[in-house]
Amino acid sequence: MTTLTILLFIIGYLAITLEQYPGDHFFWELLAYCAGTGGSVLIIGSAAGVAAMGMERIDFFWYLRYISLLALLGYLAGTVVYIVQYPLF
């Protein structure tokens, strides 16, 4: 009975979410941008970053000290540009 209850809850939740935010809604596009680029702020946030650390011998604390702030600023600037330009197009 518990499995059925959980399944019905998940189906109901998905139905409400998809009704509130259709598939091509601004929310999903912004979420995809955030998920795709947010990992660059910390080098260990993406598989490519971990691979770069191994191949190029990049130290985590060096990256945190010198690159993370630049990556964060770029990420935030991209988010602001996306939010501002969305109503225009």
Protein backbone atom coordinates (compact mmCIF):
# COMPACT_ATOMS: atom_id res chain seq x y z
CA MET A 1 0.00 0.00 0.00
CA THR A 2 2.85 2.40 0.76
CA THR A 3 4.35 1.97 -2.70
CA LEU A 4 1.01 2.78 -4.30
CA THR A 5 0.66 5.89 -2.15
CA ILE A 6 4.13 7.08 -3.08
CA LEU A 7 3.49 6.40 -6.76
CA LEU A 8 0.22 8.33 -6.72
CA PHE A 9 1.90 11.21 -4.89
CA ILE A 10 4.70 11.39 -7.48
CA ILE A 11 2.27 11.25 -10.40
CA GLY A 12 0.13 13.97 -8.84
CA TYR A 13 3.14 16.14 -8.12
CA LEU A 14 4.43 15.81 -11.68
CA ALA A 15 1.00 16.63 -13.09
CA ILE A 16 0.78 19.79 -10.98
CA THR A 17 4.35 20.83 -11.82
CA LEU A 18 3.95 20.27 -15.56
CA GLU A 19 0.63 22.10 -15.52
CA GLN A 20 2.19 25.05 -13.73
CA TYR A 21 5.36 25.06 -15.86
CA PRO A 22 4.79 23.70 -19.38
CA GLY A 23 7.74 22.04 -21.15
CA ASP A 24 8.84 25.17 -23.01
CA HIS A 25 8.45 27.51 -20.05
CA PHE A 26 11.06 30.07 -18.99
CA PHE A 27 11.61 28.20 -15.70
CA TRP A 28 12.86 25.00 -17.39
CA GLU A 29 15.13 26.89 -19.78
CA LEU A 30 16.70 28.84 -16.92
CA LEU A 31 17.03 25.66 -14.86
CA ALA A 32 18.86 23.98 -17.76
CA TYR A 33 21.22 26.97 -18.03
CA CYS A 34 21.92 26.91 -14.29
CA ALA A 35 22.52 23.16 -14.23
CA GLY A 36 24.72 23.27 -17.32
CA THR A 37 26.97 26.13 -16.32
CA GLY A 38 26.82 26.21 -12.53
CA GLY A 39 29.35 23.41 -12.24
CA SER A 40 32.03 25.68 -13.63
CA VAL A 41 32.10 27.76 -10.47
CA LEU A 42 33.81 24.90 -8.65
CA ILE A 43 36.11 22.75 -10.74
CA ILE A 44 34.81 19.61 -9.03
CA GLY A 45 31.24 20.53 -10.05
CA SER A 46 31.53 18.91 -13.45
CA ALA A 47 33.11 15.83 -14.97
CA ALA A 48 35.06 18.04 -17.37
CA GLY A 49 36.51 19.98 -14.44
CA VAL A 50 37.61 16.83 -12.67
CA ALA A 51 39.20 15.59 -15.90
CA ALA A 52 40.99 18.93 -16.37
CA MET A 53 42.32 18.72 -12.80
CA GLY A 54 43.82 15.33 -13.56
CA MET A 55 45.20 16.09 -17.01
CA GLU A 56 46.57 19.56 -16.33
CA ARG A 57 47.48 19.01 -12.66
CA ILE A 58 45.27 21.90 -11.53
CA ASP A 59 45.15 22.21 -7.77
CA PHE A 60 41.66 22.65 -6.31
CA PHE A 61 42.66 25.50 -4.00
CA TRP A 62 44.48 27.32 -6.81
CA TYR A 63 41.33 27.12 -8.93
CA LEU A 64 39.19 28.23 -5.99
CA ARG A 65 41.45 31.20 -5.33
CA TYR A 66 42.05 32.47 -8.88
CA ILE A 67 39.26 31.20 -11.14
CA SER A 68 36.09 30.58 -9.10
CA LEU A 69 35.25 34.26 -8.68
CA LEU A 70 35.58 34.85 -12.43
CA ALA A 71 33.42 31.79 -13.14
CA LEU A 72 30.81 32.99 -10.64
CA LEU A 73 30.72 36.47 -12.18
CA GLY A 74 30.31 34.98 -15.66
CA TYR A 75 27.58 32.66 -14.43
CA LEU A 76 25.66 35.50 -12.75
CA ALA A 77 26.12 37.79 -15.77
CA GLY A 78 24.75 35.08 -18.05
CA THR A 79 21.76 34.58 -15.77
CA VAL A 80 21.00 38.31 -15.72
CA VAL A 81 21.31 38.55 -19.51
CA TYR A 82 19.00 35.56 -19.94
CA ILE A 83 16.37 37.02 -17.60
CA VAL A 84 16.55 40.45 -19.25
CA GLN A 85 16.45 39.22 -22.85
CA TYR A 86 13.76 36.56 -22.36
CA PRO A 87 10.77 38.95 -22.60
CA LEU A 88 12.30 40.63 -25.68
CA PHE A 89 12.32 37.51 -27.85
